[in-house]
């Protein structure tokens, strides 16, 4: 398989992922992950291992914002080979709370993909926000 085809497939998977989150469709999101996903998410835990643990996290995330979700990807970069690929991008992530207020910020995202039984799966994901170590605070107000 050529690199261009692989990158096109990964781009399609990334867009499916984005749309599933916007739809708050946890089952559709989870279908994109390998059973042994390891995620370093930005909230709640140091790491999540396996689909069961990560699905519970995704469900909690969806419930934090009862209104519409924001999940916009910018500066997506993909590097790929035949059976493995990596991508990183900036994500404007958040949603609307029960008072109708938008709660969103820019995050950094890295994802690793592996072709498993002929199908691309997310095998590792890393979400983060920069922080000020002197103040001990996350820098949610940064813009790309």
N, C-alpha and C. Protein backbone atom coordinates (compact mmCIF):
# COMPACT_ATOMS: atom_id res chain seq x y z
N UNK A 1 0.85 -1.17 0.00
CA UNK A 1 0.00 0.00 0.00
C UNK A 1 0.90 1.23 0.00
N UNK A 2 0.53 2.24 -0.78
CA UNK A 2 1.38 3.42 -0.85
C UNK A 2 1.05 4.42 0.26
N UNK A 3 2.00 5.31 0.51
CA UNK A 3 1.88 6.27 1.60
C UNK A 3 0.68 7.18 1.43
N UNK A 4 0.42 7.62 0.21
CA UNK A 4 -0.72 8.51 -0.03
C UNK A 4 -2.05 7.83 0.31
N UNK A 5 -2.20 6.57 -0.07
CA UNK A 5 -3.42 5.83 0.27
C UNK A 5 -3.57 5.71 1.77
N UNK A 6 -2.47 5.36 2.45
CA UNK A 6 -2.52 5.23 3.91
C UNK A 6 -2.90 6.55 4.56
N UNK A 7 -2.30 7.63 4.13
CA UNK A 7 -2.61 8.93 4.72
C UNK A 7 -4.06 9.32 4.47
N UNK A 8 -4.59 8.98 3.31
CA UNK A 8 -6.00 9.24 3.02
C UNK A 8 -6.90 8.44 3.96
N UNK A 9 -6.54 7.18 4.20
CA UNK A 9 -7.31 6.34 5.13
C UNK A 9 -7.26 6.89 6.55
N UNK A 10 -6.10 7.33 6.98
CA UNK A 10 -5.96 7.88 8.34
C UNK A 10 -6.75 9.19 8.44
N UNK A 11 -6.69 10.03 7.42
CA UNK A 11 -7.46 11.28 7.44
C UNK A 11 -8.95 10.97 7.55
N UNK A 12 -9.42 9.96 6.85
CA UNK A 12 -10.84 9.57 6.94
C UNK A 12 -11.18 9.08 8.34
N UNK A 13 -10.29 8.30 8.95
CA UNK A 13 -10.52 7.82 10.31
C UNK A 13 -10.57 8.99 11.28
N UNK A 14 -9.67 9.95 11.13
CA UNK A 14 -9.66 11.13 12.00
C UNK A 14 -10.97 11.91 11.86
N UNK A 15 -11.47 12.05 10.65
CA UNK A 15 -12.73 12.77 10.45
C UNK A 15 -13.91 11.97 11.03
N UNK A 16 -13.90 10.65 10.88
CA UNK A 16 -14.95 9.82 11.49
C UNK A 16 -14.95 9.99 13.00
N UNK A 17 -13.76 9.99 13.58
CA UNK A 17 -13.58 10.19 15.02
C UNK A 17 -14.15 11.55 15.45
N UNK A 18 -13.79 12.60 14.72
CA UNK A 18 -14.26 13.95 15.05
C UNK A 18 -15.78 14.01 14.99
N UNK A 19 -16.36 13.46 13.94
CA UNK A 19 -17.81 13.49 13.79
C UNK A 19 -18.51 12.68 14.89
N UNK A 20 -17.95 11.53 15.24
CA UNK A 20 -18.54 10.70 16.30
C UNK A 20 -18.58 11.45 17.62
N UNK A 21 -17.53 12.19 17.92
CA UNK A 21 -17.50 12.97 19.16
C UNK A 21 -18.53 14.09 19.08
N UNK A 22 -18.60 14.77 17.96
CA UNK A 22 -19.58 15.84 17.79
C UNK A 22 -21.01 15.32 17.97
N UNK A 23 -21.23 14.07 17.53
CA UNK A 23 -22.55 13.44 17.66
C UNK A 23 -22.77 12.86 19.06
N UNK A 24 -21.72 12.88 19.90
CA UNK A 24 -21.75 12.28 21.24
C UNK A 24 -22.07 10.79 21.15
N UNK A 25 -21.54 10.14 20.13
CA UNK A 25 -21.78 8.73 19.89
C UNK A 25 -20.59 7.92 20.42
N UNK A 26 -20.66 7.56 21.69
CA UNK A 26 -19.54 6.87 22.34
C UNK A 26 -19.25 5.53 21.68
N UNK A 27 -20.28 4.80 21.27
CA UNK A 27 -20.06 3.50 20.62
C UNK A 27 -19.27 3.66 19.32
N UNK A 28 -19.60 4.68 18.56
CA UNK A 28 -18.89 4.94 17.29
C UNK A 28 -17.45 5.35 17.56
N UNK A 29 -17.23 6.16 18.60
CA UNK A 29 -15.86 6.54 18.98
C UNK A 29 -15.08 5.28 19.37
N UNK A 30 -15.65 4.46 20.22
CA UNK A 30 -14.95 3.28 20.74
C UNK A 30 -14.64 2.26 19.66
N UNK A 31 -15.45 2.21 18.61
CA UNK A 31 -15.20 1.27 17.51
C UNK A 31 -13.90 1.58 16.79
N UNK A 32 -13.38 2.79 16.94
CA UNK A 32 -12.15 3.19 16.26
C UNK A 32 -10.89 2.80 17.03
N UNK A 33 -11.06 2.40 18.28
CA UNK A 33 -9.92 2.05 19.13
C UNK A 33 -9.61 0.55 19.09
N UNK A 34 -8.34 0.23 19.24
CA UNK A 34 -7.91 -1.14 19.45
C UNK A 34 -8.33 -1.56 20.85
N UNK A 35 -8.56 -2.84 21.08
CA UNK A 35 -8.95 -3.32 22.41
C UNK A 35 -7.93 -2.96 23.48
N UNK A 36 -6.66 -2.86 23.10
CA UNK A 36 -5.59 -2.58 24.06
C UNK A 36 -5.14 -1.12 24.03
N UNK A 37 -6.05 -0.21 23.69
CA UNK A 37 -5.72 1.21 23.65
C UNK A 37 -5.08 1.65 24.97
N UNK A 38 -4.05 2.47 24.85
CA UNK A 38 -3.47 3.15 26.01
C UNK A 38 -3.60 4.63 25.71
N UNK A 39 -4.27 5.34 26.59
CA UNK A 39 -4.48 6.77 26.38
C UNK A 39 -3.95 7.56 27.55
N UNK A 40 -3.25 8.63 27.22
CA UNK A 40 -2.82 9.63 28.19
C UNK A 40 -3.72 10.83 27.95
N UNK A 41 -4.90 10.79 28.53
CA UNK A 41 -5.85 11.86 28.34
C UNK A 41 -5.48 13.02 29.26
N UNK A 42 -6.06 14.17 28.99
CA UNK A 42 -5.72 15.38 29.74
C UNK A 42 -6.46 15.50 31.07
N UNK A 43 -7.51 14.71 31.26
CA UNK A 43 -8.29 14.85 32.49
C UNK A 43 -8.55 13.49 33.14
N UNK A 44 -8.82 13.52 34.40
CA UNK A 44 -9.30 12.43 35.25
C UNK A 44 -8.28 11.39 35.67
N UNK A 45 -7.36 10.98 34.83
CA UNK A 45 -6.44 9.90 35.22
C UNK A 45 -5.10 10.09 34.53
N UNK A 46 -4.07 9.49 35.10
CA UNK A 46 -2.75 9.54 34.50
C UNK A 46 -2.72 8.79 33.18
N UNK A 47 -3.45 7.65 33.15
CA UNK A 47 -3.54 6.87 31.91
C UNK A 47 -4.78 5.98 31.97
N UNK A 48 -5.24 5.62 30.79
CA UNK A 48 -6.34 4.67 30.64
C UNK A 48 -5.80 3.50 29.83
N UNK A 49 -6.02 2.29 30.30
CA UNK A 49 -5.57 1.09 29.59
C UNK A 49 -6.76 0.23 29.24
N UNK A 50 -6.94 0.01 27.94
CA UNK A 50 -8.02 -0.85 27.46
C UNK A 50 -9.30 -0.09 27.17
N UNK A 51 -10.09 -0.69 26.30
CA UNK A 51 -11.33 -0.07 25.86
C UNK A 51 -12.34 0.14 26.97
N UNK A 52 -12.44 -0.81 27.89
CA UNK A 52 -13.44 -0.70 28.95
C UNK A 52 -13.20 0.54 29.79
N UNK A 53 -11.95 0.73 30.21
CA UNK A 53 -11.62 1.90 31.03
C UNK A 53 -11.81 3.19 30.24
N UNK A 54 -11.40 3.18 28.98
CA UNK A 54 -11.48 4.40 28.20
C UNK A 54 -12.92 4.73 27.81
N UNK A 55 -13.74 3.71 27.62
CA UNK A 55 -15.14 3.97 27.30
C UNK A 55 -15.84 4.67 28.46
N UNK A 56 -15.56 4.25 29.68
CA UNK A 56 -16.16 4.91 30.85
C UNK A 56 -15.74 6.38 30.90
N UNK A 57 -14.49 6.65 30.56
CA UNK A 57 -14.00 8.02 30.53
C UNK A 57 -14.72 8.84 29.46
N UNK A 58 -14.85 8.27 28.25
CA UNK A 58 -15.53 8.98 27.17
C UNK A 58 -16.98 9.28 27.55
N UNK A 59 -17.64 8.33 28.19
CA UNK A 59 -19.03 8.55 28.60
C UNK A 59 -19.11 9.72 29.58
N UNK A 60 -18.19 9.76 30.54
CA UNK A 60 -18.17 10.85 31.51
C UNK A 60 -17.90 12.19 30.82
N UNK A 61 -17.01 12.20 29.84
CA UNK A 61 -16.72 13.43 29.09
C UNK A 61 -17.96 13.95 28.38
N UNK A 62 -18.70 13.05 27.77
CA UNK A 62 -19.91 13.46 27.03
C UNK A 62 -20.94 14.06 27.98
N UNK A 63 -21.00 13.53 29.20
CA UNK A 63 -21.99 14.00 30.17
C UNK A 63 -21.61 15.33 30.82
N UNK A 64 -20.32 15.71 30.75
CA UNK A 64 -19.88 16.98 31.34
C UNK A 64 -20.52 18.18 30.65
N UNK A 65 -20.77 18.05 29.37
CA UNK A 65 -21.32 19.15 28.58
C UNK A 65 -22.62 18.69 27.94
N UNK A 66 -23.75 19.01 28.55
CA UNK A 66 -25.02 18.53 28.00
C UNK A 66 -25.40 19.17 26.67
N UNK A 67 -24.83 20.32 26.35
CA UNK A 67 -25.13 21.00 25.09
C UNK A 67 -24.23 20.52 23.97
N UNK A 68 -24.22 21.27 22.87
CA UNK A 68 -23.39 20.89 21.71
C UNK A 68 -21.90 20.83 22.05
N UNK A 69 -21.21 19.91 21.41
CA UNK A 69 -19.77 19.76 21.58
C UNK A 69 -19.00 20.58 20.56
N UNK A 70 -17.82 21.04 20.97
CA UNK A 70 -16.84 21.65 20.08
C UNK A 70 -15.71 20.63 19.94
N UNK A 71 -15.32 20.34 18.73
CA UNK A 71 -14.24 19.37 18.50
C UNK A 71 -13.66 19.67 17.12
N UNK A 72 -12.95 20.79 17.05
CA UNK A 72 -12.40 21.25 15.78
C UNK A 72 -10.91 20.95 15.72
N UNK A 73 -10.45 20.39 14.61
CA UNK A 73 -9.05 20.00 14.45
C UNK A 73 -8.35 20.97 13.49
N UNK A 74 -7.16 21.39 13.89
CA UNK A 74 -6.36 22.31 13.09
C UNK A 74 -4.92 21.81 12.99
N UNK A 75 -4.30 22.08 11.86
CA UNK A 75 -2.91 21.74 11.62
C UNK A 75 -2.64 20.24 11.74
N UNK A 76 -3.51 19.43 11.16
CA UNK A 76 -3.35 17.97 11.20
C UNK A 76 -2.15 17.57 10.34
N UNK A 77 -1.24 16.81 10.95
CA UNK A 77 -0.06 16.28 10.26
C UNK A 77 -0.07 14.77 10.43
N UNK A 78 0.10 14.04 9.33
CA UNK A 78 0.09 12.57 9.35
C UNK A 78 1.41 12.05 8.79
N UNK A 79 1.97 11.08 9.48
CA UNK A 79 3.15 10.35 9.00
C UNK A 79 2.76 8.88 9.00
N UNK A 80 3.02 8.18 7.88
CA UNK A 80 2.51 6.81 7.81
C UNK A 80 3.48 5.86 7.12
N UNK A 81 3.25 4.59 7.38
CA UNK A 81 3.92 3.48 6.72
C UNK A 81 2.82 2.45 6.43
N UNK A 82 3.21 1.25 6.05
CA UNK A 82 2.20 0.25 5.66
C UNK A 82 1.25 -0.14 6.79
N UNK A 83 1.76 -0.37 7.99
CA UNK A 83 0.93 -0.89 9.07
C UNK A 83 0.90 -0.01 10.31
N UNK A 84 1.54 1.15 10.24
CA UNK A 84 1.56 2.05 11.39
C UNK A 84 1.54 3.49 10.90
N UNK A 85 0.89 4.34 11.68
CA UNK A 85 0.81 5.76 11.32
C UNK A 85 0.71 6.58 12.59
N UNK A 86 1.12 7.83 12.48
CA UNK A 86 1.06 8.78 13.58
C UNK A 86 0.46 10.07 13.07
N UNK A 87 -0.27 10.74 13.93
CA UNK A 87 -0.82 12.04 13.55
C UNK A 87 -0.82 12.94 14.78
N UNK A 88 -0.70 14.23 14.53
CA UNK A 88 -0.83 15.20 15.62
C UNK A 88 -1.54 16.43 15.08
N UNK A 89 -2.23 17.12 15.98
CA UNK A 89 -2.98 18.30 15.60
C UNK A 89 -3.32 19.10 16.84
N UNK A 90 -3.85 20.30 16.62
CA UNK A 90 -4.39 21.12 17.70
C UNK A 90 -5.90 20.96 17.66
N UNK A 91 -6.49 20.79 18.84
CA UNK A 91 -7.93 20.57 18.95
C UNK A 91 -8.57 21.67 19.78
N UNK A 92 -9.61 22.28 19.24
CA UNK A 92 -10.44 23.16 20.04
C UNK A 92 -11.55 22.28 20.58
N UNK A 93 -11.50 22.02 21.88
CA UNK A 93 -12.31 20.97 22.49
C UNK A 93 -13.13 21.53 23.64
N UNK A 94 -14.39 21.13 23.71
CA UNK A 94 -15.24 21.52 24.82
C UNK A 94 -16.69 21.37 24.45
N UNK A 95 -17.50 22.14 25.14
CA UNK A 95 -18.92 22.05 24.90
C UNK A 95 -19.67 23.14 25.63
N UNK A 96 -20.97 22.99 25.67
CA UNK A 96 -21.85 23.95 26.30
C UNK A 96 -22.40 23.34 27.58
N UNK A 97 -22.28 24.06 28.69
CA UNK A 97 -22.76 23.52 29.96
C UNK A 97 -24.28 23.70 30.09
N UNK A 98 -24.81 23.30 31.24
CA UNK A 98 -26.26 23.34 31.44
C UNK A 98 -26.81 24.77 31.52
N UNK A 99 -25.93 25.78 31.63
CA UNK A 99 -26.34 27.19 31.64
C UNK A 99 -26.23 27.81 30.25
N UNK A 100 -25.82 27.01 29.26
CA UNK A 100 -25.67 27.50 27.90
C UNK A 100 -24.35 28.20 27.65
N UNK A 101 -23.41 28.10 28.59
CA UNK A 101 -22.10 28.74 28.46
C UNK A 101 -21.11 27.79 27.79
N UNK A 102 -20.34 28.32 26.84
CA UNK A 102 -19.32 27.50 26.19
C UNK A 102 -18.12 27.35 27.13
N UNK A 103 -17.69 26.12 27.28
CA UNK A 103 -16.50 25.80 28.04
C UNK A 103 -15.59 25.00 27.12
N UNK A 104 -14.61 25.68 26.52
CA UNK A 104 -13.74 25.03 25.54
C UNK A 104 -12.36 25.66 25.60
N UNK A 105 -11.38 24.91 25.12
CA UNK A 105 -10.01 25.40 25.07
C UNK A 105 -9.24 24.64 24.00
N UNK A 106 -8.04 25.13 23.72
CA UNK A 106 -7.14 24.46 22.78
C UNK A 106 -6.35 23.39 23.51
N UNK A 107 -6.26 22.24 22.88
CA UNK A 107 -5.50 21.11 23.42
C UNK A 107 -4.55 20.62 22.33
N UNK A 108 -3.55 19.86 22.75
CA UNK A 108 -2.63 19.21 21.81
C UNK A 108 -3.00 17.74 21.76
N UNK A 109 -3.03 17.17 20.57
CA UNK A 109 -3.43 15.78 20.39
C UNK A 109 -2.41 15.04 19.54
N UNK A 110 -2.05 13.84 19.98
CA UNK A 110 -1.23 12.94 19.19
C UNK A 110 -1.92 11.59 19.20
N UNK A 111 -1.99 10.95 18.04
CA UNK A 111 -2.61 9.63 17.95
C UNK A 111 -1.71 8.70 17.15
N UNK A 112 -1.68 7.45 17.57
CA UNK A 112 -0.90 6.41 16.89
C UNK A 112 -1.88 5.35 16.41
N UNK A 113 -1.70 4.93 15.17
CA UNK A 113 -2.61 3.99 14.53
C UNK A 113 -1.83 2.76 14.08
N UNK A 114 -2.54 1.62 14.11
CA UNK A 114 -1.94 0.38 13.62
C UNK A 114 -2.99 -0.35 12.79
N UNK A 115 -2.54 -0.94 11.70
CA UNK A 115 -3.45 -1.74 10.89
C UNK A 115 -3.59 -3.10 11.59
N UNK A 116 -4.80 -3.39 12.05
CA UNK A 116 -5.09 -4.62 12.78
C UNK A 116 -6.12 -5.40 11.98
N UNK A 117 -5.76 -6.60 11.54
CA UNK A 117 -6.65 -7.43 10.73
C UNK A 117 -7.19 -6.64 9.54
N UNK A 118 -6.31 -5.85 8.91
CA UNK A 118 -6.67 -5.10 7.72
C UNK A 118 -7.40 -3.80 7.96
N UNK A 119 -7.61 -3.44 9.22
CA UNK A 119 -8.37 -2.24 9.54
C UNK A 119 -7.54 -1.34 10.46
N UNK A 120 -7.55 -0.03 10.21
CA UNK A 120 -6.82 0.91 11.05
C UNK A 120 -7.54 1.07 12.39
N UNK A 121 -6.77 1.01 13.48
CA UNK A 121 -7.28 1.22 14.83
C UNK A 121 -6.37 2.20 15.56
N UNK A 122 -6.95 2.97 16.45
CA UNK A 122 -6.16 3.85 17.30
C UNK A 122 -5.60 2.99 18.43
N UNK A 123 -4.27 2.94 18.55
CA UNK A 123 -3.64 2.11 19.58
C UNK A 123 -3.07 2.95 20.72
N UNK A 124 -2.86 4.24 20.46
CA UNK A 124 -2.38 5.14 21.51
C UNK A 124 -2.86 6.54 21.20
N UNK A 125 -3.20 7.26 22.26
CA UNK A 125 -3.67 8.63 22.12
C UNK A 125 -3.11 9.44 23.27
N UNK A 126 -2.74 10.69 22.98
CA UNK A 126 -2.19 11.55 24.02
C UNK A 126 -2.80 12.94 23.86
N UNK A 127 -3.46 13.39 24.91
CA UNK A 127 -4.07 14.72 24.96
C UNK A 127 -3.34 15.53 26.03
N UNK A 128 -3.08 16.79 25.75
CA UNK A 128 -2.44 17.62 26.77
C UNK A 128 -2.75 19.09 26.54
N UNK A 129 -2.51 19.85 27.60
CA UNK A 129 -2.57 21.31 27.54
C UNK A 129 -1.29 21.81 28.20
N UNK A 130 -0.71 22.87 27.66
CA UNK A 130 0.51 23.39 28.28
C UNK A 130 0.21 23.92 29.69
N UNK A 131 1.22 23.90 30.54
CA UNK A 131 1.02 24.43 31.88
C UNK A 131 2.22 25.28 32.29
N UNK A 132 1.96 26.14 33.25
CA UNK A 132 3.00 27.00 33.82
C UNK A 132 3.49 26.33 35.09
N UNK A 133 4.69 25.75 35.07
CA UNK A 133 5.16 25.02 36.25
C UNK A 133 5.41 25.92 37.46
N UNK A 134 5.70 27.17 37.24
CA UNK A 134 5.94 28.09 38.36
C UNK A 134 4.64 28.42 39.09
N UNK A 135 3.57 28.62 38.33
CA UNK A 135 2.28 28.96 38.93
C UNK A 135 1.45 27.72 39.25
N UNK A 136 1.81 26.58 38.63
CA UNK A 136 1.04 25.36 38.83
C UNK A 136 -0.33 25.41 38.18
N UNK A 137 -0.44 26.15 37.08
CA UNK A 137 -1.73 26.30 36.42
C UNK A 137 -1.64 25.89 34.96
N UNK A 138 -2.76 25.39 34.45
CA UNK A 138 -2.86 25.03 33.04
C UNK A 138 -3.12 26.32 32.26
N UNK A 139 -2.54 26.38 31.07
CA UNK A 139 -2.64 27.60 30.25
C UNK A 139 -3.71 27.41 29.17
N UNK A 140 -4.98 27.47 29.59
CA UNK A 140 -6.09 27.24 28.67
C UNK A 140 -6.35 28.40 27.73
N UNK A 141 -5.76 29.55 27.96
CA UNK A 141 -6.06 30.72 27.14
C UNK A 141 -5.14 30.88 25.93
N UNK A 142 -4.24 29.94 25.68
CA UNK A 142 -3.34 30.04 24.52
C UNK A 142 -4.12 29.81 23.23
N UNK A 143 -3.67 30.46 22.18
CA UNK A 143 -4.29 30.33 20.85
C UNK A 143 -3.23 29.85 19.86
N UNK A 144 -3.63 29.10 18.83
CA UNK A 144 -2.63 28.67 17.83
C UNK A 144 -2.14 29.85 16.99
